[in-house]
PDB file of N, CA and C in Angstrom:
ATOM      1  N   MET A   1     106.094  87.303  98.318  1.00  0.00           N
ATOM      2  CA  MET A   1     107.084  87.751  97.374  1.00  0.00           C
ATOM      3  C   MET A   1     107.785  86.537  96.776  1.00  0.00           C
ATOM      4  N   THR A   2     107.950  86.545  95.502  1.00  0.00           N
ATOM      5  CA  THR A   2     108.614  85.457  94.800  1.00  0.00           C
ATOM      6  C   THR A   2     110.108  85.734  94.743  1.00  0.00           C
ATOM      7  N   THR A   3     110.900  84.800  95.212  1.00  0.00           N
ATOM      8  CA  THR A   3     112.348  84.973  95.172  1.00  0.00           C
ATOM      9  C   THR A   3     112.937  84.184  94.006  1.00  0.00           C
ATOM     10  N   LEU A   4     114.162  84.500  93.681  1.00  0.00           N
ATOM     11  CA  LEU A   4     114.857  83.786  92.608  1.00  0.00           C
ATOM     12  C   LEU A   4     114.997  82.306  92.960  1.00  0.00           C
ATOM     13  N   SER A   5     115.207  82.013  94.225  1.00  0.00           N
ATOM     14  CA  SER A   5     115.309  80.622  94.666  1.00  0.00           C
ATOM     15  C   SER A   5     113.996  79.869  94.435  1.00  0.00           C
ATOM     16  N   ASP A   6     112.861  80.530  94.689  1.00  0.00           N
ATOM     17  CA  ASP A   6     111.555  79.906  94.435  1.00  0.00           C
ATOM     18  C   ASP A   6     111.394  79.563  92.961  1.00  0.00           C
ATOM     19  N   ILE A   7     111.798  80.472  92.097  1.00  0.00           N
ATOM     20  CA  ILE A   7     111.678  80.243  90.652  1.00  0.00           C
ATOM     21  C   ILE A   7     112.613  79.121  90.215  1.00  0.00           C
ATOM     22  N   ARG A   8     113.832  79.114  90.729  1.00  0.00           N
ATOM     23  CA  ARG A   8     114.776  78.041  90.384  1.00  0.00           C
ATOM     24  C   ARG A   8     114.240  76.677  90.812  1.00  0.00           C
ATOM     25  N   ARG A   9     113.693  76.611  92.008  1.00  0.00           N
ATOM     26  CA  ARG A   9     113.145  75.339  92.498  1.00  0.00           C
ATOM     27  C   ARG A   9     111.938  74.908  91.667  1.00  0.00           C
ATOM     28  N   THR A  10     111.134  75.857  91.247  1.00  0.00           N
ATOM     29  CA  THR A  10     109.965  75.539  90.425  1.00  0.00           C
ATOM     30  C   THR A  10     110.387  75.033  89.053  1.00  0.00           C
ATOM     31  N   ILE A  11     111.423  75.622  88.479  1.00  0.00           N
ATOM     32  CA  ILE A  11     111.926  75.161  87.179  1.00  0.00           C
ATOM     33  C   ILE A  11     112.536  73.768  87.313  1.00  0.00           C
ATOM     34  N   CYS A  12     113.282  73.554  88.370  1.00  0.00           N
ATOM     35  CA  CYS A  12     113.952  72.271  88.576  1.00  0.00           C
ATOM     36  C   CYS A  12     112.950  71.149  88.828  1.00  0.00           C
ATOM     37  N   CYS A  13     111.954  71.428  89.652  1.00  0.00           N
ATOM     38  CA  CYS A  13     110.975  70.409  90.044  1.00  0.00           C
ATOM     39  C   CYS A  13     109.567  70.959  89.832  1.00  0.00           C
ATOM     40  N   PRO A  14     109.080  70.986  88.587  1.00  0.00           N
ATOM     41  CA  PRO A  14     107.774  71.591  88.313  1.00  0.00           C
ATOM     42  C   PRO A  14     106.601  70.887  88.973  1.00  0.00           C
ATOM     43  N   SER A  15     106.782  69.633  89.382  1.00  0.00           N
ATOM     44  CA  SER A  15     105.679  68.917  90.036  1.00  0.00           C
ATOM     45  C   SER A  15     105.489  69.376  91.478  1.00  0.00           C
ATOM     46  N   GLY A  16     106.481  70.063  92.028  1.00  0.00           N
ATOM     47  CA  GLY A  16     106.406  70.509  93.411  1.00  0.00           C
ATOM     48  C   GLY A  16     107.099  69.560  94.369  1.00  0.00           C
ATOM     49  N   THR A  17     107.453  68.383  93.908  1.00  0.00           N
ATOM     50  CA  THR A  17     108.168  67.405  94.719  1.00  0.00           C
ATOM     51  C   THR A  17     109.627  67.390  94.288  1.00  0.00           C
ATOM     52  N   CYS A  18     110.533  67.621  95.230  1.00  0.00           N
ATOM     53  CA  CYS A  18     111.960  67.675  94.913  1.00  0.00           C
ATOM     54  C   CYS A  18     112.450  66.307  94.437  1.00  0.00           C
ATOM     55  N   ILE A  19     113.165  66.291  93.320  1.00  0.00           N
ATOM     56  CA  ILE A  19     113.666  65.033  92.771  1.00  0.00           C
ATOM     57  C   ILE A  19     114.991  64.627  93.385  1.00  0.00           C
ATOM     58  N   SER A  20     115.660  65.561  94.067  1.00  0.00           N
ATOM     59  CA  SER A  20     116.937  65.260  94.704  1.00  0.00           C
ATOM     60  C   SER A  20     117.060  66.051  96.005  1.00  0.00           C
ATOM     61  N   PRO A  21     116.326  65.662  97.049  1.00  0.00           N
ATOM     62  CA  PRO A  21     116.305  66.465  98.274  1.00  0.00           C
ATOM     63  C   PRO A  21     117.654  66.587  98.979  1.00  0.00           C
ATOM     64  N   GLY A  22     118.477  65.576  98.880  1.00  0.00           N
ATOM     65  CA  GLY A  22     119.774  65.619  99.547  1.00  0.00           C
ATOM     66  C   GLY A  22     120.778  66.514  98.865  1.00  0.00           C
ATOM     67  N   ASP A  23     120.640  66.705  97.571  1.00  0.00           N
ATOM     68  CA  ASP A  23     121.602  67.485  96.795  1.00  0.00           C
ATOM     69  C   ASP A  23     120.828  68.256  95.730  1.00  0.00           C
ATOM     70  N   CYS A  24     120.260  69.369  96.107  1.00  0.00           N
ATOM     71  CA  CYS A  24     119.322  70.107  95.262  1.00  0.00           C
ATOM     72  C   CYS A  24     119.986  70.646  93.988  1.00  0.00           C
ATOM     73  N   TYR A  25     119.372  70.362  92.861  1.00  0.00           N
ATOM     74  CA  TYR A  25     119.880  70.858  91.583  1.00  0.00           C
ATOM     75  C   TYR A  25     119.686  72.367  91.459  1.00  0.00           C
ATOM     76  N   ALA A  26     118.648  72.909  92.058  1.00  0.00           N
ATOM     77  CA  ALA A  26     118.351  74.332  91.938  1.00  0.00           C
ATOM     78  C   ALA A  26     119.384  75.196  92.644  1.00  0.00           C
ATOM     79  N   GLU A  27     119.992  74.678  93.706  1.00  0.00           N
ATOM     80  CA  GLU A  27     120.952  75.456  94.489  1.00  0.00           C
ATOM     81  C   GLU A  27     122.390  75.290  94.009  1.00  0.00           C
ATOM     82  N   ASP A  28     122.695  74.198  93.337  1.00  0.00           N
ATOM     83  CA  ASP A  28     124.061  73.933  92.881  1.00  0.00           C
ATOM     84  C   ASP A  28     124.149  74.211  91.392  1.00  0.00           C
ATOM     85  N   ARG A  29     124.694  75.363  91.031  1.00  0.00           N
ATOM     86  CA  ARG A  29     124.743  75.774  89.625  1.00  0.00           C
ATOM     87  C   ARG A  29     125.786  75.012  88.815  1.00  0.00           C
ATOM     88  N   SER A  30     126.660  74.246  89.473  1.00  0.00           N
ATOM     89  CA  SER A  30     127.668  73.497  88.730  1.00  0.00           C
ATOM     90  C   SER A  30     127.102  72.206  88.145  1.00  0.00           C
ATOM     91  N   ARG A  31     125.909  71.808  88.587  1.00  0.00           N
ATOM     92  CA  ARG A  31     125.289  70.576  88.103  1.00  0.00           C
ATOM     93  C   ARG A  31     124.287  70.907  87.012  1.00  0.00           C
ATOM     94  N   SER A  32     124.222  70.046  86.038  1.00  0.00           N
ATOM     95  CA  SER A  32     123.242  70.262  84.968  1.00  0.00           C
ATOM     96  C   SER A  32     122.045  69.344  85.201  1.00  0.00           C
ATOM     97  N   GLN A  33     120.895  69.849  84.847  1.00  0.00           N
ATOM     98  CA  GLN A  33     119.647  69.105  85.015  1.00  0.00           C
ATOM     99  C   GLN A  33     118.804  69.327  83.773  1.00  0.00           C
ATOM    100  N   LEU A  34     118.360  68.246  83.153  1.00  0.00           N
ATOM    101  CA  LEU A  34     117.469  68.385  82.007  1.00  0.00           C
ATOM    102  C   LEU A  34     116.110  68.861  82.487  1.00  0.00           C
ATOM    103  N   VAL A  35     115.566  69.832  81.778  1.00  0.00           N
ATOM    104  CA  VAL A  35     114.300  70.438  82.171  1.00  0.00           C
ATOM    105  C   VAL A  35     113.356  70.402  80.982  1.00  0.00           C
ATOM    106  N   ASP A  36     112.135  69.979  81.214  1.00  0.00           N
ATOM    107  CA  ASP A  36     111.098  70.081  80.187  1.00  0.00           C
ATOM    108  C   ASP A  36     110.583  71.513  80.246  1.00  0.00           C
ATOM    109  N   ILE A  37     110.920  72.305  79.244  1.00  0.00           N
ATOM    110  CA  ILE A  37     110.638  73.733  79.273  1.00  0.00           C
ATOM    111  C   ILE A  37     109.149  74.032  79.365  1.00  0.00           C
ATOM    112  N   HIS A  38     108.319  73.197  78.777  1.00  0.00           N
ATOM    113  CA  HIS A  38     106.874  73.438  78.815  1.00  0.00           C
ATOM    114  C   HIS A  38     106.310  73.221  80.218  1.00  0.00           C
ATOM    115  N   HIS A  39     106.735  72.148  80.876  1.00  0.00           N
ATOM    116  CA  HIS A  39     106.291  71.905  82.251  1.00  0.00           C
ATOM    117  C   HIS A  39     106.828  72.987  83.188  1.00  0.00           C
ATOM    118  N   ALA A  40     108.087  73.375  82.989  1.00  0.00           N
ATOM    119  CA  ALA A  40     108.688  74.404  83.834  1.00  0.00           C
ATOM    120  C   ALA A  40     107.987  75.745  83.651  1.00  0.00           C
ATOM    121  N   ALA A  41     107.659  76.092  82.409  1.00  0.00           N
ATOM    122  CA  ALA A  41     106.973  77.365  82.147  1.00  0.00           C
ATOM    123  C   ALA A  41     105.594  77.386  82.788  1.00  0.00           C
ATOM    124  N   ARG A  42     104.857  76.283  82.689  1.00  0.00           N
ATOM    125  CA  ARG A  42     103.529  76.220  83.325  1.00  0.00           C
ATOM    126  C   ARG A  42     103.637  76.324  84.840  1.00  0.00           C
ATOM    127  N   ALA A  43     104.653  75.682  85.417  1.00  0.00           N
ATOM    128  CA  ALA A  43     104.830  75.709  86.866  1.00  0.00           C
ATOM    129  C   ALA A  43     105.225  77.107  87.355  1.00  0.00           C
ATOM    130  N   VAL A  44     106.104  77.793  86.614  1.00  0.00           N
ATOM    131  CA  VAL A  44     106.496  79.154  86.995  1.00  0.00           C
ATOM    132  C   VAL A  44     105.308  80.097  86.845  1.00  0.00           C
ATOM    133  N   HIS A  45     104.540  79.942  85.796  1.00  0.00           N
ATOM    134  CA  HIS A  45     103.343  80.773  85.606  1.00  0.00           C
ATOM    135  C   HIS A  45     102.376  80.572  86.772  1.00  0.00           C
ATOM    136  N   ALA A  46     102.144  79.334  87.167  1.00  0.00           N
ATOM    137  CA  ALA A  46     101.246  79.053  88.284  1.00  0.00           C
ATOM    138  C   ALA A  46     101.786  79.656  89.590  1.00  0.00           C
ATOM    139  N   LEU A  47     103.093  79.581  89.798  1.00  0.00           N
ATOM    140  CA  LEU A  47     103.710  80.166  90.989  1.00  0.00           C
ATOM    141  C   LEU A  47     103.494  81.673  91.029  1.00  0.00           C
ATOM    142  N   LEU A  48     103.740  82.348  89.902  1.00  0.00           N
ATOM    143  CA  LEU A  48     103.590  83.797  89.857  1.00  0.00           C
ATOM    144  C   LEU A  48     102.136  84.224  90.027  1.00  0.00           C
ATOM    145  N   VAL A  49     101.214  83.509  89.415  1.00  0.00           N
ATOM    146  CA  VAL A  49      99.791  83.835  89.556  1.00  0.00           C
ATOM    147  C   VAL A  49      99.348  83.626  91.000  1.00  0.00           C
ATOM    148  N   ARG A  50      99.767  82.531  91.608  1.00  0.00           N
ATOM    149  CA  ARG A  50      99.399  82.250  93.000  1.00  0.00           C
ATOM    150  C   ARG A  50      99.936  83.344  93.926  1.00  0.00           C
ATOM    151  N   ASN A  51     101.193  83.744  93.716  1.00  0.00           N
ATOM    152  CA  ASN A  51     101.773  84.787  94.560  1.00  0.00           C
ATOM    153  C   ASN A  51     101.130  86.144  94.292  1.00  0.00           C
ATOM    154  N   TRP A  52     100.747  86.425  93.059  1.00  0.00           N
ATOM    155  CA  TRP A  52     100.072  87.681  92.733  1.00  0.00           C
ATOM    156  C   TRP A  52      98.708  87.753  93.431  1.00  0.00           C
ATOM    157  N   ARG A  53      97.983  86.648  93.434  1.00  0.00           N
ATOM    158  CA  ARG A  53      96.665  86.631  94.086  1.00  0.00           C
ATOM    159  C   ARG A  53      96.767  86.759  95.597  1.00  0.00           C
ATOM    160  N   ASP A  54      97.870  86.268  96.178  1.00  0.00           N
ATOM    161  CA  ASP A  54      98.058  86.347  97.628  1.00  0.00           C
ATOM    162  C   ASP A  54      98.652  87.679  98.079  1.00  0.00           C
ATOM    163  N   TYR A  55      99.051  88.536  97.137  1.00  0.00           N
ATOM    164  CA  TYR A  55      99.684  89.805  97.476  1.00  0.00           C
ATOM    165  C   TYR A  55      98.678  90.726  98.164  1.00  0.00           C
ATOM    166  N   PRO A  56      99.056  91.347  99.272  1.00  0.00           N
ATOM    167  CA  PRO A  56      98.115  92.236  99.964  1.00  0.00           C
ATOM    168  C   PRO A  56      97.790  93.463  99.120  1.00  0.00           C
ATOM    169  N   ARG A  57      96.539  93.791  99.019  1.00  0.00           N
ATOM    170  CA  ARG A  57      96.099  94.877  98.159  1.00  0.00           C
ATOM    171  C   ARG A  57      95.929  96.215  98.878  1.00  0.00           C
ATOM    172  N   GLY A  58      96.087  96.272 100.179  1.00  0.00           N
ATOM    173  CA  GLY A  58      95.816  97.491 100.916  1.00  0.00           C
ATOM    174  C   GLY A  58      96.984  98.438 101.014  1.00  0.00           C
ATOM    175  N   ASP A  59      97.977  98.360 100.141  1.00  0.00           N
ATOM    176  CA  ASP A  59      99.159  99.198 100.309  1.00  0.00           C
ATOM    177  C   ASP A  59      99.303 100.300  99.262  1.00  0.00           C
ATOM    178  N   GLY A  60      98.426 100.388  98.295  1.00  0.00           N
ATOM    179  CA  GLY A  60      98.567 101.396  97.248  1.00  0.00           C
ATOM    180  C   GLY A  60      97.626 102.570  97.435  1.00  0.00           C
ATOM    181  N   PRO A  61      97.885 103.674  96.730  1.00  0.00           N
ATOM    182  CA  PRO A  61      97.036 104.856  96.878  1.00  0.00           C
ATOM    183  C   PRO A  61      95.613 104.641  96.358  1.00  0.00           C
ATOM    184  N   MET A  62      95.416 103.734  95.425  1.00  0.00           N
ATOM    185  CA  MET A  62      94.084 103.501  94.876  1.00  0.00           C
ATOM    186  C   MET A  62      93.245 102.587  95.775  1.00  0.00           C
ATOM    187  N   SER A  63      93.863 102.011  96.784  1.00  0.00           N
ATOM    188  CA  SER A  63      93.117 101.115  97.660  1.00  0.00           C
ATOM    189  C   SER A  63      92.561 101.827  98.880  1.00  0.00           C
ATOM    190  N   ARG A  64      92.903 103.091  99.050  1.00  0.00           N
ATOM    191  CA  ARG A  64      92.388 103.845 100.195  1.00  0.00           C
ATOM    192  C   ARG A  64      90.942 104.244  99.937  1.00  0.00           C
ATOM    193  N   SER A  65      90.166 104.288 100.981  1.00  0.00           N
ATOM    194  CA  SER A  65      88.765 104.705 100.840  1.00  0.00           C
ATOM    195  C   SER A  65      88.486 105.865 101.791  1.00  0.00           C
ATOM    196  N   ARG A  66      87.520 106.677 101.431  1.00  0.00           N
ATOM    197  CA  ARG A  66      87.120 107.788 102.279  1.00  0.00           C
ATOM    198  C   ARG A  66      85.634 107.693 102.542  1.00  0.00           C
ATOM    199  N   ASN A  67      85.242 108.196 103.679  1.00  0.00           N
ATOM    200  CA  ASN A  67      83.819 108.272 104.010  1.00  0.00           C
ATOM    201  C   ASN A  67      83.250 109.575 103.469  1.00  0.00           C
ATOM    202  N   ILE A  68      81.961 109.586 103.217  1.00  0.00           N
ATOM    203  CA  ILE A  68      81.292 110.787 102.718  1.00  0.00           C
ATOM    204  C   ILE A  68      81.404 111.893 103.762  1.00  0.00           C
ATOM    205  N   GLY A  69      81.817 113.065 103.306  1.00  0.00           N
ATOM    206  CA  GLY A  69      81.958 114.206 104.192  1.00  0.00           C
ATOM    207  C   GLY A  69      83.329 114.325 104.833  1.00  0.00           C
ATOM    208  N   GLU A  70      84.193 113.369 104.591  1.00  0.00           N
ATOM    209  CA  GLU A  70      85.531 113.379 105.187  1.00  0.00           C
ATOM    210  C   GLU A  70      86.447 114.290 104.374  1.00  0.00           C
ATOM    211  N   GLU A  71      87.241 115.089 105.035  1.00  0.00           N
ATOM    212  CA  GLU A  71      88.219 115.948 104.365  1.00  0.00           C
ATOM    213  C   GLU A  71      89.434 115.110 103.984  1.00  0.00           C
ATOM    214  N   GLY A  72      90.063 115.476 102.894  1.00  0.00           N
ATOM    215  CA  GLY A  72      91.245 114.697 102.639  1.00  0.00           C
ATOM    216  C   GLY A  72      91.794 114.867 101.333  1.00  0.00           C
TER     217      GLY A  72
END
């Protein structure tokens, strides 16, 4: 599951490496951080796609299967 904190961290540090580990820009909303919107958008897109692919698929009604001859 993607949380708001994950998205904030991805926007702040699109390379995946924190630029300010001691004082995170993503967690402190009073600080301003310049963001390259194109890099941030690509990083958020990659995060969402990765999390979508890792999402378990066995929880919906269309993922259930039945054997031939089974009542149901």
